[in-house]
């Protein structure tokens, strides 16, 4: 897969996680081992996509082909990880989740714009 495809896939992923966060109710018991295993199993491919995207995006940005800075790639990668976890554990304020979501979308949109040129 190309960086462009991974970027689009991440956008779809965070959109799904955003809906999951909004539609879920209340915090989850963090000591529930079965839930932990479910989360671990479901999120493993998400983290993998995120890692692959970061590696490809860093190369693209270092070649000065993007208006995105290397620090933005790093922080976007970290923000996506937080979105993944917060969408399951619901342990963050809605406002903070929305800020993470919007920040990630902004950088991913910038990357897609640079990739289209």
PDB file of N, CA and C in Angstrom:
ATOM      1  N   UNK A   1       0.831  -1.187   0.000  1.00  0.00           N
ATOM      2  CA  UNK A   1       0.000   0.000   0.000  1.00  0.00           C
ATOM      3  C   UNK A   1       0.871   1.245   0.000  1.00  0.00           C
ATOM      4  N   UNK A   2       0.358   2.297  -0.579  1.00  0.00           N
ATOM      5  CA  UNK A   2       1.107   3.549  -0.645  1.00  0.00           C
ATOM      6  C   UNK A   2       0.781   4.435   0.558  1.00  0.00           C
ATOM      7  N   UNK A   3       1.579   5.472   0.710  1.00  0.00           N
ATOM      8  CA  UNK A   3       1.349   6.437   1.788  1.00  0.00           C
ATOM      9  C   UNK A   3      -0.037   7.066   1.647  1.00  0.00           C
ATOM     10  N   UNK A   4      -0.422   7.354   0.417  1.00  0.00           N
ATOM     11  CA  UNK A   4      -1.738   7.958   0.178  1.00  0.00           C
ATOM     12  C   UNK A   4      -2.852   7.021   0.655  1.00  0.00           C
ATOM     13  N   UNK A   5      -2.736   5.743   0.340  1.00  0.00           N
ATOM     14  CA  UNK A   5      -3.748   4.769   0.765  1.00  0.00           C
ATOM     15  C   UNK A   5      -3.765   4.622   2.285  1.00  0.00           C
ATOM     16  N   UNK A   6      -2.589   4.595   2.897  1.00  0.00           N
ATOM     17  CA  UNK A   6      -2.523   4.496   4.361  1.00  0.00           C
ATOM     18  C   UNK A   6      -3.134   5.734   5.022  1.00  0.00           C
ATOM     19  N   UNK A   7      -2.896   6.893   4.432  1.00  0.00           N
ATOM     20  CA  UNK A   7      -3.447   8.129   4.985  1.00  0.00           C
ATOM     21  C   UNK A   7      -4.971   8.107   4.918  1.00  0.00           C
ATOM     22  N   UNK A   8      -5.506   7.688   3.783  1.00  0.00           N
ATOM     23  CA  UNK A   8      -6.964   7.591   3.641  1.00  0.00           C
ATOM     24  C   UNK A   8      -7.537   6.561   4.613  1.00  0.00           C
ATOM     25  N   UNK A   9      -6.837   5.455   4.764  1.00  0.00           N
ATOM     26  CA  UNK A   9      -7.282   4.407   5.681  1.00  0.00           C
ATOM     27  C   UNK A   9      -7.300   4.916   7.126  1.00  0.00           C
ATOM     28  N   UNK A  10      -6.293   5.693   7.501  1.00  0.00           N
ATOM     29  CA  UNK A  10      -6.261   6.264   8.858  1.00  0.00           C
ATOM     30  C   UNK A  10      -7.406   7.247   9.068  1.00  0.00           C
ATOM     31  N   UNK A  11      -7.712   8.039   8.043  1.00  0.00           N
ATOM     32  CA  UNK A  11      -8.841   8.973   8.163  1.00  0.00           C
ATOM     33  C   UNK A  11     -10.140   8.213   8.413  1.00  0.00           C
ATOM     34  N   UNK A  12     -10.351   7.136   7.674  1.00  0.00           N
ATOM     35  CA  UNK A  12     -11.551   6.321   7.872  1.00  0.00           C
ATOM     36  C   UNK A  12     -11.553   5.686   9.257  1.00  0.00           C
ATOM     37  N   UNK A  13     -10.398   5.234   9.686  1.00  0.00           N
ATOM     38  CA  UNK A  13     -10.269   4.613  11.004  1.00  0.00           C
ATOM     39  C   UNK A  13     -10.643   5.591  12.109  1.00  0.00           C
ATOM     40  N   UNK A  14     -10.085   6.800  12.063  1.00  0.00           N
ATOM     41  CA  UNK A  14     -10.392   7.735  13.153  1.00  0.00           C
ATOM     42  C   UNK A  14     -11.837   8.214  13.085  1.00  0.00           C
ATOM     43  N   UNK A  15     -12.419   8.235  11.893  1.00  0.00           N
ATOM     44  CA  UNK A  15     -13.848   8.559  11.794  1.00  0.00           C
ATOM     45  C   UNK A  15     -14.686   7.489  12.501  1.00  0.00           C
ATOM     46  N   UNK A  16     -14.344   6.220  12.270  1.00  0.00           N
ATOM     47  CA  UNK A  16     -15.060   5.117  12.941  1.00  0.00           C
ATOM     48  C   UNK A  16     -14.875   5.193  14.454  1.00  0.00           C
ATOM     49  N   UNK A  17     -13.649   5.472  14.887  1.00  0.00           N
ATOM     50  CA  UNK A  17     -13.367   5.547  16.323  1.00  0.00           C
ATOM     51  C   UNK A  17     -14.065   6.741  16.963  1.00  0.00           C
ATOM     52  N   UNK A  18     -14.177   7.826  16.218  1.00  0.00           N
ATOM     53  CA  UNK A  18     -14.892   9.004  16.714  1.00  0.00           C
ATOM     54  C   UNK A  18     -16.358   8.655  16.956  1.00  0.00           C
ATOM     55  N   UNK A  19     -16.970   7.970  16.005  1.00  0.00           N
ATOM     56  CA  UNK A  19     -18.364   7.532  16.176  1.00  0.00           C
ATOM     57  C   UNK A  19     -18.498   6.583  17.357  1.00  0.00           C
ATOM     58  N   UNK A  20     -17.570   5.679  17.478  1.00  0.00           N
ATOM     59  CA  UNK A  20     -17.578   4.726  18.594  1.00  0.00           C
ATOM     60  C   UNK A  20     -17.509   5.466  19.925  1.00  0.00           C
ATOM     61  N   UNK A  21     -16.667   6.483  19.993  1.00  0.00           N
ATOM     62  CA  UNK A  21     -16.517   7.270  21.218  1.00  0.00           C
ATOM     63  C   UNK A  21     -17.823   7.986  21.555  1.00  0.00           C
ATOM     64  N   UNK A  22     -18.440   8.589  20.552  1.00  0.00           N
ATOM     65  CA  UNK A  22     -19.672   9.357  20.758  1.00  0.00           C
ATOM     66  C   UNK A  22     -20.838   8.448  21.154  1.00  0.00           C
ATOM     67  N   UNK A  23     -20.922   7.276  20.530  1.00  0.00           N
ATOM     68  CA  UNK A  23     -22.063   6.391  20.748  1.00  0.00           C
ATOM     69  C   UNK A  23     -21.930   5.500  21.975  1.00  0.00           C
ATOM     70  N   UNK A  24     -20.742   5.398  22.540  1.00  0.00           N
ATOM     71  CA  UNK A  24     -20.541   4.553  23.719  1.00  0.00           C
ATOM     72  C   UNK A  24     -20.957   5.297  24.978  1.00  0.00           C
ATOM     73  N   UNK A  25     -21.281   4.515  25.999  1.00  0.00           N
ATOM     74  CA  UNK A  25     -21.734   5.123  27.246  1.00  0.00           C
ATOM     75  C   UNK A  25     -20.799   4.796  28.392  1.00  0.00           C
ATOM     76  N   UNK A  26     -20.479   5.824  29.152  1.00  0.00           N
ATOM     77  CA  UNK A  26     -19.745   5.670  30.404  1.00  0.00           C
ATOM     78  C   UNK A  26     -18.377   5.044  30.304  1.00  0.00           C
ATOM     79  N   UNK A  27     -17.555   5.296  31.295  1.00  0.00           N
ATOM     80  CA  UNK A  27     -16.223   4.691  31.330  1.00  0.00           C
ATOM     81  C   UNK A  27     -16.305   3.180  31.543  1.00  0.00           C
ATOM     82  N   UNK A  28     -15.313   2.498  31.056  1.00  0.00           N
ATOM     83  CA  UNK A  28     -15.239   1.042  31.150  1.00  0.00           C
ATOM     84  C   UNK A  28     -14.377   0.671  32.349  1.00  0.00           C
ATOM     85  N   UNK A  29     -14.687  -0.472  32.952  1.00  0.00           N
ATOM     86  CA  UNK A  29     -13.869  -0.969  34.057  1.00  0.00           C
ATOM     87  C   UNK A  29     -12.501  -1.367  33.503  1.00  0.00           C
ATOM     88  N   UNK A  30     -11.480  -0.614  33.877  1.00  0.00           N
ATOM     89  CA  UNK A  30     -10.135  -0.843  33.346  1.00  0.00           C
ATOM     90  C   UNK A  30      -9.503  -2.126  33.870  1.00  0.00           C
ATOM     91  N   UNK A  31     -10.108  -2.734  34.872  1.00  0.00           N
ATOM     92  CA  UNK A  31      -9.562  -3.964  35.440  1.00  0.00           C
ATOM     93  C   UNK A  31     -10.196  -5.216  34.842  1.00  0.00           C
ATOM     94  N   UNK A  32     -11.128  -5.031  33.917  1.00  0.00           N
ATOM     95  CA  UNK A  32     -11.804  -6.152  33.262  1.00  0.00           C
ATOM     96  C   UNK A  32     -10.843  -6.796  32.258  1.00  0.00           C
ATOM     97  N   UNK A  33     -10.343  -7.973  32.609  1.00  0.00           N
ATOM     98  CA  UNK A  33      -9.326  -8.649  31.796  1.00  0.00           C
ATOM     99  C   UNK A  33      -9.870  -9.058  30.421  1.00  0.00           C
ATOM    100  N   UNK A  34     -11.114  -9.498  30.363  1.00  0.00           N
ATOM    101  CA  UNK A  34     -11.721  -9.907  29.090  1.00  0.00           C
ATOM    102  C   UNK A  34     -11.822  -8.713  28.141  1.00  0.00           C
ATOM    103  N   UNK A  35     -12.221  -7.562  28.689  1.00  0.00           N
ATOM    104  CA  UNK A  35     -12.320  -6.358  27.868  1.00  0.00           C
ATOM    105  C   UNK A  35     -10.934  -5.942  27.380  1.00  0.00           C
ATOM    106  N   UNK A  36      -9.949  -6.016  28.254  1.00  0.00           N
ATOM    107  CA  UNK A  36      -8.574  -5.684  27.880  1.00  0.00           C
ATOM    108  C   UNK A  36      -8.116  -6.547  26.705  1.00  0.00           C
ATOM    109  N   UNK A  37      -8.373  -7.848  26.778  1.00  0.00           N
ATOM    110  CA  UNK A  37      -7.975  -8.753  25.693  1.00  0.00           C
ATOM    111  C   UNK A  37      -8.709  -8.432  24.394  1.00  0.00           C
ATOM    112  N   UNK A  38      -9.991  -8.073  24.505  1.00  0.00           N
ATOM    113  CA  UNK A  38     -10.777  -7.696  23.326  1.00  0.00           C
ATOM    114  C   UNK A  38     -10.174  -6.453  22.679  1.00  0.00           C
ATOM    115  N   UNK A  39      -9.869  -5.454  23.510  1.00  0.00           N
ATOM    116  CA  UNK A  39      -9.284  -4.209  23.007  1.00  0.00           C
ATOM    117  C   UNK A  39      -7.933  -4.489  22.356  1.00  0.00           C
ATOM    118  N   UNK A  40      -7.131  -5.282  23.020  1.00  0.00           N
ATOM    119  CA  UNK A  40      -5.795  -5.605  22.501  1.00  0.00           C
ATOM    120  C   UNK A  40      -5.893  -6.263  21.126  1.00  0.00           C
ATOM    121  N   UNK A  41      -6.823  -7.198  20.994  1.00  0.00           N
ATOM    122  CA  UNK A  41      -6.998  -7.915  19.733  1.00  0.00           C
ATOM    123  C   UNK A  41      -7.523  -6.993  18.631  1.00  0.00           C
ATOM    124  N   UNK A  42      -8.503  -6.160  18.962  1.00  0.00           N
ATOM    125  CA  UNK A  42      -9.109  -5.284  17.954  1.00  0.00           C
ATOM    126  C   UNK A  42      -8.193  -4.140  17.542  1.00  0.00           C
ATOM    127  N   UNK A  43      -7.363  -3.662  18.467  1.00  0.00           N
ATOM    128  CA  UNK A  43      -6.541  -2.490  18.165  1.00  0.00           C
ATOM    129  C   UNK A  43      -5.187  -2.821  17.549  1.00  0.00           C
ATOM    130  N   UNK A  44      -4.746  -4.053  17.649  1.00  0.00           N
ATOM    131  CA  UNK A  44      -3.428  -4.421  17.100  1.00  0.00           C
ATOM    132  C   UNK A  44      -3.274  -4.013  15.629  1.00  0.00           C
ATOM    133  N   UNK A  45      -4.252  -4.328  14.755  1.00  0.00           N
ATOM    134  CA  UNK A  45      -4.099  -3.902  13.357  1.00  0.00           C
ATOM    135  C   UNK A  45      -4.119  -2.376  13.197  1.00  0.00           C
ATOM    136  N   UNK A  46      -4.850  -1.687  14.072  1.00  0.00           N
ATOM    137  CA  UNK A  46      -4.905  -0.226  14.012  1.00  0.00           C
ATOM    138  C   UNK A  46      -3.541   0.377  14.326  1.00  0.00           C
ATOM    139  N   UNK A  47      -2.915  -0.140  15.371  1.00  0.00           N
ATOM    140  CA  UNK A  47      -1.587   0.343  15.737  1.00  0.00           C
ATOM    141  C   UNK A  47      -0.576   0.029  14.631  1.00  0.00           C
ATOM    142  N   UNK A  48      -0.748  -1.105  13.989  1.00  0.00           N
ATOM    143  CA  UNK A  48       0.153  -1.499  12.901  1.00  0.00           C
ATOM    144  C   UNK A  48       0.041  -0.532  11.720  1.00  0.00           C
ATOM    145  N   UNK A  49      -1.184  -0.191  11.343  1.00  0.00           N
ATOM    146  CA  UNK A  49      -1.404   0.766  10.257  1.00  0.00           C
ATOM    147  C   UNK A  49      -0.784   2.110  10.623  1.00  0.00           C
ATOM    148  N   UNK A  50      -0.982   2.519  11.857  1.00  0.00           N
ATOM    149  CA  UNK A  50      -0.450   3.794  12.332  1.00  0.00           C
ATOM    150  C   UNK A  50       1.080   3.805  12.272  1.00  0.00           C
ATOM    151  N   UNK A  51       1.717   2.713  12.679  1.00  0.00           N
ATOM    152  CA  UNK A  51       3.188   2.607  12.633  1.00  0.00           C
ATOM    153  C   UNK A  51       3.684   2.691  11.184  1.00  0.00           C
ATOM    154  N   UNK A  52       3.022   1.961  10.306  1.00  0.00           N
ATOM    155  CA  UNK A  52       3.412   1.964   8.892  1.00  0.00           C
ATOM    156  C   UNK A  52       3.269   3.361   8.313  1.00  0.00           C
ATOM    157  N   UNK A  53       2.145   4.017   8.619  1.00  0.00           N
ATOM    158  CA  UNK A  53       1.924   5.376   8.128  1.00  0.00           C
ATOM    159  C   UNK A  53       3.031   6.299   8.611  1.00  0.00           C
ATOM    160  N   UNK A  54       3.364   6.231   9.907  1.00  0.00           N
ATOM    161  CA  UNK A  54       4.406   7.102  10.459  1.00  0.00           C
ATOM    162  C   UNK A  54       5.729   6.903   9.724  1.00  0.00           C
ATOM    163  N   UNK A  55       6.120   5.646   9.525  1.00  0.00           N
ATOM    164  CA  UNK A  55       7.389   5.363   8.848  1.00  0.00           C
ATOM    165  C   UNK A  55       7.402   5.929   7.426  1.00  0.00           C
ATOM    166  N   UNK A  56       6.320   5.726   6.688  1.00  0.00           N
ATOM    167  CA  UNK A  56       6.237   6.229   5.313  1.00  0.00           C
ATOM    168  C   UNK A  56       6.165   7.753   5.284  1.00  0.00           C
ATOM    169  N   UNK A  57       5.410   8.329   6.206  1.00  0.00           N
ATOM    170  CA  UNK A  57       5.255   9.784   6.250  1.00  0.00           C
ATOM    171  C   UNK A  57       6.572  10.467   6.617  1.00  0.00           C
ATOM    172  N   UNK A  58       7.332   9.879   7.522  1.00  0.00           N
ATOM    173  CA  UNK A  58       8.626  10.460   7.900  1.00  0.00           C
ATOM    174  C   UNK A  58       9.566  10.528   6.704  1.00  0.00           C
ATOM    175  N   UNK A  59       9.598   9.481   5.900  1.00  0.00           N
ATOM    176  CA  UNK A  59      10.444   9.476   4.700  1.00  0.00           C
ATOM    177  C   UNK A  59       9.974  10.557   3.730  1.00  0.00           C
ATOM    178  N   UNK A  60       8.666  10.626   3.506  1.00  0.00           N
ATOM    179  CA  UNK A  60       8.089  11.610   2.592  1.00  0.00           C
ATOM    180  C   UNK A  60       8.412  13.033   3.044  1.00  0.00           C
ATOM    181  N   UNK A  61       8.273  13.293   4.328  1.00  0.00           N
ATOM    182  CA  UNK A  61       8.507  14.633   4.873  1.00  0.00           C
ATOM    183  C   UNK A  61       9.998  14.985   4.838  1.00  0.00           C
ATOM    184  N   UNK A  62      10.857  14.022   5.142  1.00  0.00           N
ATOM    185  CA  UNK A  62      12.303  14.279   5.128  1.00  0.00           C
ATOM    186  C   UNK A  62      12.807  14.623   3.737  1.00  0.00           C
ATOM    187  N   UNK A  63      12.134  14.136   2.729  1.00  0.00           N
ATOM    188  CA  UNK A  63      12.501  14.454   1.348  1.00  0.00           C
ATOM    189  C   UNK A  63      11.951  15.819   0.932  1.00  0.00           C
ATOM    190  N   UNK A  64      11.381  16.518   1.896  1.00  0.00           N
ATOM    191  CA  UNK A  64      10.827  17.864   1.681  1.00  0.00           C
ATOM    192  C   UNK A  64       9.740  17.892   0.612  1.00  0.00           C
ATOM    193  N   UNK A  65       8.968  16.838   0.570  1.00  0.00           N
ATOM    194  CA  UNK A  65       7.877  16.779  -0.398  1.00  0.00           C
ATOM    195  C   UNK A  65       6.548  17.183   0.235  1.00  0.00           C
ATOM    196  N   UNK A  66       6.581  17.580   1.492  1.00  0.00           N
ATOM    197  CA  UNK A  66       5.329  17.881   2.193  1.00  0.00           C
ATOM    198  C   UNK A  66       5.429  19.200   2.939  1.00  0.00           C
ATOM    199  N   UNK A  67       4.279  19.816   3.137  1.00  0.00           N
ATOM    200  CA  UNK A  67       4.226  21.038   3.941  1.00  0.00           C
ATOM    201  C   UNK A  67       4.103  20.701   5.422  1.00  0.00           C
ATOM    202  N   UNK A  68       4.074  19.411   5.718  1.00  0.00           N
ATOM    203  CA  UNK A  68       4.004  18.926   7.094  1.00  0.00           C
ATOM    204  C   UNK A  68       5.428  18.769   7.612  1.00  0.00           C
ATOM    205  N   UNK A  69       5.642  19.143   8.862  1.00  0.00           N
ATOM    206  CA  UNK A  69       6.964  19.026   9.477  1.00  0.00           C
ATOM    207  C   UNK A  69       7.107  17.674  10.175  1.00  0.00           C
ATOM    208  N   UNK A  70       8.346  17.197  10.335  1.00  0.00           N
ATOM    209  CA  UNK A  70       8.568  15.911  11.008  1.00  0.00           C
ATOM    210  C   UNK A  70       7.922  15.826  12.394  1.00  0.00           C
ATOM    211  N   UNK A  71       7.936  16.934  13.139  1.00  0.00           N
ATOM    212  CA  UNK A  71       7.304  16.930  14.466  1.00  0.00           C
ATOM    213  C   UNK A  71       5.801  16.709  14.377  1.00  0.00           C
ATOM    214  N   UNK A  72       5.187  17.207  13.311  1.00  0.00           N
ATOM    215  CA  UNK A  72       3.751  17.010  13.129  1.00  0.00           C
ATOM    216  C   UNK A  72       3.432  15.544  12.846  1.00  0.00           C
ATOM    217  N   UNK A  73       4.309  14.880  12.110  1.00  0.00           N
ATOM    218  CA  UNK A  73       4.114  13.449  11.841  1.00  0.00           C
ATOM    219  C   UNK A  73       4.174  12.686  13.156  1.00  0.00           C
ATOM    220  N   UNK A  74       5.180  13.007  13.963  1.00  0.00           N
ATOM    221  CA  UNK A  74       5.353  12.322  15.248  1.00  0.00           C
ATOM    222  C   UNK A  74       4.153  12.559  16.164  1.00  0.00           C
ATOM    223  N   UNK A  75       3.733  13.818  16.289  1.00  0.00           N
ATOM    224  CA  UNK A  75       2.616  14.112  17.194  1.00  0.00           C
ATOM    225  C   UNK A  75       1.301  13.546  16.659  1.00  0.00           C
ATOM    226  N   UNK A  76       1.130  13.515  15.349  1.00  0.00           N
ATOM    227  CA  UNK A  76      -0.078  12.922  14.767  1.00  0.00           C
ATOM    228  C   UNK A  76      -0.115  11.426  15.048  1.00  0.00           C
ATOM    229  N   UNK A  77       1.015  10.778  14.911  1.00  0.00           N
ATOM    230  CA  UNK A  77       1.122   9.350  15.229  1.00  0.00           C
ATOM    231  C   UNK A  77       0.709   9.111  16.682  1.00  0.00           C
ATOM    232  N   UNK A  78       1.225   9.923  17.593  1.00  0.00           N
ATOM    233  CA  UNK A  78       0.887   9.782  19.018  1.00  0.00           C
ATOM    234  C   UNK A  78      -0.586  10.082  19.270  1.00  0.00           C
ATOM    235  N   UNK A  79      -1.116  11.095  18.598  1.00  0.00           N
ATOM    236  CA  UNK A  79      -2.530  11.442  18.769  1.00  0.00           C
ATOM    237  C   UNK A  79      -3.446  10.328  18.266  1.00  0.00           C
ATOM    238  N   UNK A  80      -3.059   9.678  17.183  1.00  0.00           N
ATOM    239  CA  UNK A  80      -3.856   8.555  16.676  1.00  0.00           C
ATOM    240  C   UNK A  80      -3.859   7.420  17.695  1.00  0.00           C
ATOM    241  N   UNK A  81      -2.712   7.167  18.308  1.00  0.00           N
ATOM    242  CA  UNK A  81      -2.655   6.138  19.352  1.00  0.00           C
ATOM    243  C   UNK A  81      -3.604   6.477  20.499  1.00  0.00           C
ATOM    244  N   UNK A  82      -3.633   7.754  20.885  1.00  0.00           N
ATOM    245  CA  UNK A  82      -4.530   8.165  21.972  1.00  0.00           C
ATOM    246  C   UNK A  82      -5.990   8.024  21.562  1.00  0.00           C
ATOM    247  N   UNK A  83      -6.310   8.392  20.325  1.00  0.00           N
ATOM    248  CA  UNK A  83      -7.683   8.251  19.834  1.00  0.00           C
ATOM    249  C   UNK A  83      -8.108   6.785  19.879  1.00  0.00           C
ATOM    250  N   UNK A  84      -7.219   5.898  19.445  1.00  0.00           N
ATOM    251  CA  UNK A  84      -7.533   4.467  19.455  1.00  0.00           C
ATOM    252  C   UNK A  84      -7.892   4.022  20.873  1.00  0.00           C
ATOM    253  N   UNK A  85      -7.048   4.351  21.823  1.00  0.00           N
ATOM    254  CA  UNK A  85      -7.284   3.904  23.203  1.00  0.00           C
ATOM    255  C   UNK A  85      -8.473   4.602  23.853  1.00  0.00           C
ATOM    256  N   UNK A  86      -8.585   5.909  23.675  1.00  0.00           N
ATOM    257  CA  UNK A  86      -9.694   6.649  24.292  1.00  0.00           C
ATOM    258  C   UNK A  86     -11.047   6.214  23.732  1.00  0.00           C
ATOM    259  N   UNK A  87     -11.086   5.768  22.488  1.00  0.00           N
ATOM    260  CA  UNK A  87     -12.368   5.360  21.906  1.00  0.00           C
ATOM    261  C   UNK A  87     -12.896   4.080  22.551  1.00  0.00           C
ATOM    262  N   UNK A  88     -12.023   3.313  23.186  1.00  0.00           N
ATOM    263  CA  UNK A  88     -12.449   2.103  23.890  1.00  0.00           C
ATOM    264  C   UNK A  88     -12.662   2.363  25.379  1.00  0.00           C
ATOM    265  N   UNK A  89     -11.750   3.089  25.984  1.00  0.00           N
ATOM    266  CA  UNK A  89     -11.798   3.257  27.440  1.00  0.00           C
ATOM    267  C   UNK A  89     -12.596   4.480  27.892  1.00  0.00           C
ATOM    268  N   UNK A  90     -12.910   5.377  26.975  1.00  0.00           N
ATOM    269  CA  UNK A  90     -13.747   6.544  27.277  1.00  0.00           C
ATOM    270  C   UNK A  90     -13.260   7.283  28.525  1.00  0.00           C
ATOM    271  N   UNK A  91     -11.962   7.449  28.633  1.00  0.00           N
ATOM    272  CA  UNK A  91     -11.391   8.051  29.838  1.00  0.00           C
ATOM    273  C   UNK A  91     -10.860   9.461  29.604  1.00  0.00           C
ATOM    274  N   UNK A  92     -11.472  10.152  28.649  1.00  0.00           N
ATOM    275  CA  UNK A  92     -11.056  11.515  28.358  1.00  0.00           C
ATOM    276  C   UNK A  92     -12.310  12.347  28.085  1.00  0.00           C
ATOM    277  N   UNK A  93     -12.208  13.619  28.348  1.00  0.00           N
ATOM    278  CA  UNK A  93     -13.303  14.548  28.112  1.00  0.00           C
ATOM    279  C   UNK A  93     -13.630  14.611  26.612  1.00  0.00           C
ATOM    280  N   UNK A  94     -14.905  14.771  26.292  1.00  0.00           N
ATOM    281  CA  UNK A  94     -15.323  14.842  24.881  1.00  0.00           C
ATOM    282  C   UNK A  94     -14.600  15.954  24.130  1.00  0.00           C
ATOM    283  N   UNK A  95     -14.409  17.078  24.799  1.00  0.00           N
ATOM    284  CA  UNK A  95     -13.738  18.212  24.158  1.00  0.00           C
ATOM    285  C   UNK A  95     -12.308  17.840  23.774  1.00  0.00           C
ATOM    286  N   UNK A  96     -11.602  17.180  24.662  1.00  0.00           N
ATOM    287  CA  UNK A  96     -10.218  16.771  24.393  1.00  0.00           C
ATOM    288  C   UNK A  96     -10.177  15.755  23.250  1.00  0.00           C
ATOM    289  N   UNK A  97     -11.105  14.817  23.250  1.00  0.00           N
ATOM    290  CA  UNK A  97     -11.156  13.824  22.178  1.00  0.00           C
ATOM    291  C   UNK A  97     -11.381  14.520  20.837  1.00  0.00           C
ATOM    292  N   UNK A  98     -12.303  15.471  20.818  1.00  0.00           N
ATOM    293  CA  UNK A  98     -12.607  16.201  19.582  1.00  0.00           C
ATOM    294  C   UNK A  98     -11.386  16.975  19.097  1.00  0.00           C
ATOM    295  N   UNK A  99     -10.627  17.576  20.030  1.00  0.00           N
ATOM    296  CA  UNK A  99      -9.411  18.303  19.656  1.00  0.00           C
ATOM    297  C   UNK A  99      -8.387  17.363  19.017  1.00  0.00           C
ATOM    298  N   UNK A 100      -8.212  16.189  19.610  1.00  0.00           N
ATOM    299  CA  UNK A 100      -7.292  15.197  19.038  1.00  0.00           C
ATOM    300  C   UNK A 100      -7.752  14.799  17.636  1.00  0.00           C
ATOM    301  N   UNK A 101      -9.034  14.530  17.527  1.00  0.00           N
ATOM    302  CA  UNK A 101      -9.633  14.106  16.259  1.00  0.00           C
ATOM    303  C   UNK A 101      -9.425  15.166  15.170  1.00  0.00           C
ATOM    304  N   UNK A 102      -9.713  16.419  15.497  1.00  0.00           N
ATOM    305  CA  UNK A 102      -9.573  17.496  14.520  1.00  0.00           C
ATOM    306  C   UNK A 102      -8.114  17.730  14.141  1.00  0.00           C
ATOM    307  N   UNK A 103      -7.232  17.642  15.110  1.00  0.00           N
ATOM    308  CA  UNK A 103      -5.808  17.819  14.859  1.00  0.00           C
ATOM    309  C   UNK A 103      -5.283  16.751  13.901  1.00  0.00           C
ATOM    310  N   UNK A 104      -5.660  15.517  14.148  1.00  0.00           N
ATOM    311  CA  UNK A 104      -5.226  14.413  13.287  1.00  0.00           C
ATOM    312  C   UNK A 104      -5.782  14.591  11.879  1.00  0.00           C
ATOM    313  N   UNK A 105      -7.056  14.931  11.776  1.00  0.00           N
ATOM    314  CA  UNK A 105      -7.664  15.134  10.462  1.00  0.00           C
ATOM    315  C   UNK A 105      -6.954  16.240   9.695  1.00  0.00           C
ATOM    316  N   UNK A 106      -6.611  17.311  10.375  1.00  0.00           N
ATOM    317  CA  UNK A 106      -5.943  18.443   9.733  1.00  0.00           C
ATOM    318  C   UNK A 106      -4.624  18.005   9.100  1.00  0.00           C
ATOM    319  N   UNK A 107      -3.806  17.289   9.856  1.00  0.00           N
ATOM    320  CA  UNK A 107      -2.499  16.855   9.346  1.00  0.00           C
ATOM    321  C   UNK A 107      -2.667  15.818   8.235  1.00  0.00           C
ATOM    322  N   UNK A 108      -3.589  14.884   8.411  1.00  0.00           N
ATOM    323  CA  UNK A 108      -3.814  13.880   7.364  1.00  0.00           C
ATOM    324  C   UNK A 108      -4.311  14.535   6.075  1.00  0.00           C
ATOM    325  N   UNK A 109      -5.167  15.548   6.200  1.00  0.00           N
ATOM    326  CA  UNK A 109      -5.635  16.279   5.016  1.00  0.00           C
ATOM    327  C   UNK A 109      -4.487  17.018   4.332  1.00  0.00           C
ATOM    328  N   UNK A 110      -3.591  17.607   5.126  1.00  0.00           N
ATOM    329  CA  UNK A 110      -2.418  18.279   4.553  1.00  0.00           C
ATOM    330  C   UNK A 110      -1.548  17.273   3.794  1.00  0.00           C
ATOM    331  N   UNK A 111      -1.365  16.095   4.375  1.00  0.00           N
ATOM    332  CA  UNK A 111      -0.568  15.055   3.712  1.00  0.00           C
ATOM    333  C   UNK A 111      -1.223  14.642   2.392  1.00  0.00           C
ATOM    334  N   UNK A 112      -2.530  14.426   2.422  1.00  0.00           N
ATOM    335  CA  UNK A 112      -3.229  14.034   1.192  1.00  0.00           C
ATOM    336  C   UNK A 112      -3.116  15.118   0.130  1.00  0.00           C
ATOM    337  N   UNK A 113      -3.192  16.360   0.547  1.00  0.00           N
ATOM    338  CA  UNK A 113      -3.050  17.476  -0.377  1.00  0.00           C
ATOM    339  C   UNK A 113      -1.656  17.469  -1.011  1.00  0.00           C
ATOM    340  N   UNK A 114      -0.627  17.275  -0.192  1.00  0.00           N
ATOM    341  CA  UNK A 114       0.750  17.227  -0.699  1.00  0.00           C
ATOM    342  C   UNK A 114       0.970  16.014  -1.605  1.00  0.00           C
ATOM    343  N   UNK A 115       0.333  14.909  -1.280  1.00  0.00           N
ATOM    344  CA  UNK A 115       0.481  13.694  -2.086  1.00  0.00           C
ATOM    345  C   UNK A 115      -0.225  13.815  -3.434  1.00  0.00           C
ATOM    346  N   UNK A 116      -1.232  14.673  -3.511  1.00  0.00           N
ATOM    347  CA  UNK A 116      -1.992  14.844  -4.750  1.00  0.00           C
ATOM    348  C   UNK A 116      -1.283  15.763  -5.739  1.00  0.00           C
ATOM    349  N   UNK A 117      -0.355  16.543  -5.227  1.00  0.00           N
ATOM    350  CA  UNK A 117       0.339  17.510  -6.102  1.00  0.00           C
ATOM    351  C   UNK A 117       1.413  16.859  -6.929  1.00  0.00           C
TER     352      UNK A 117
END
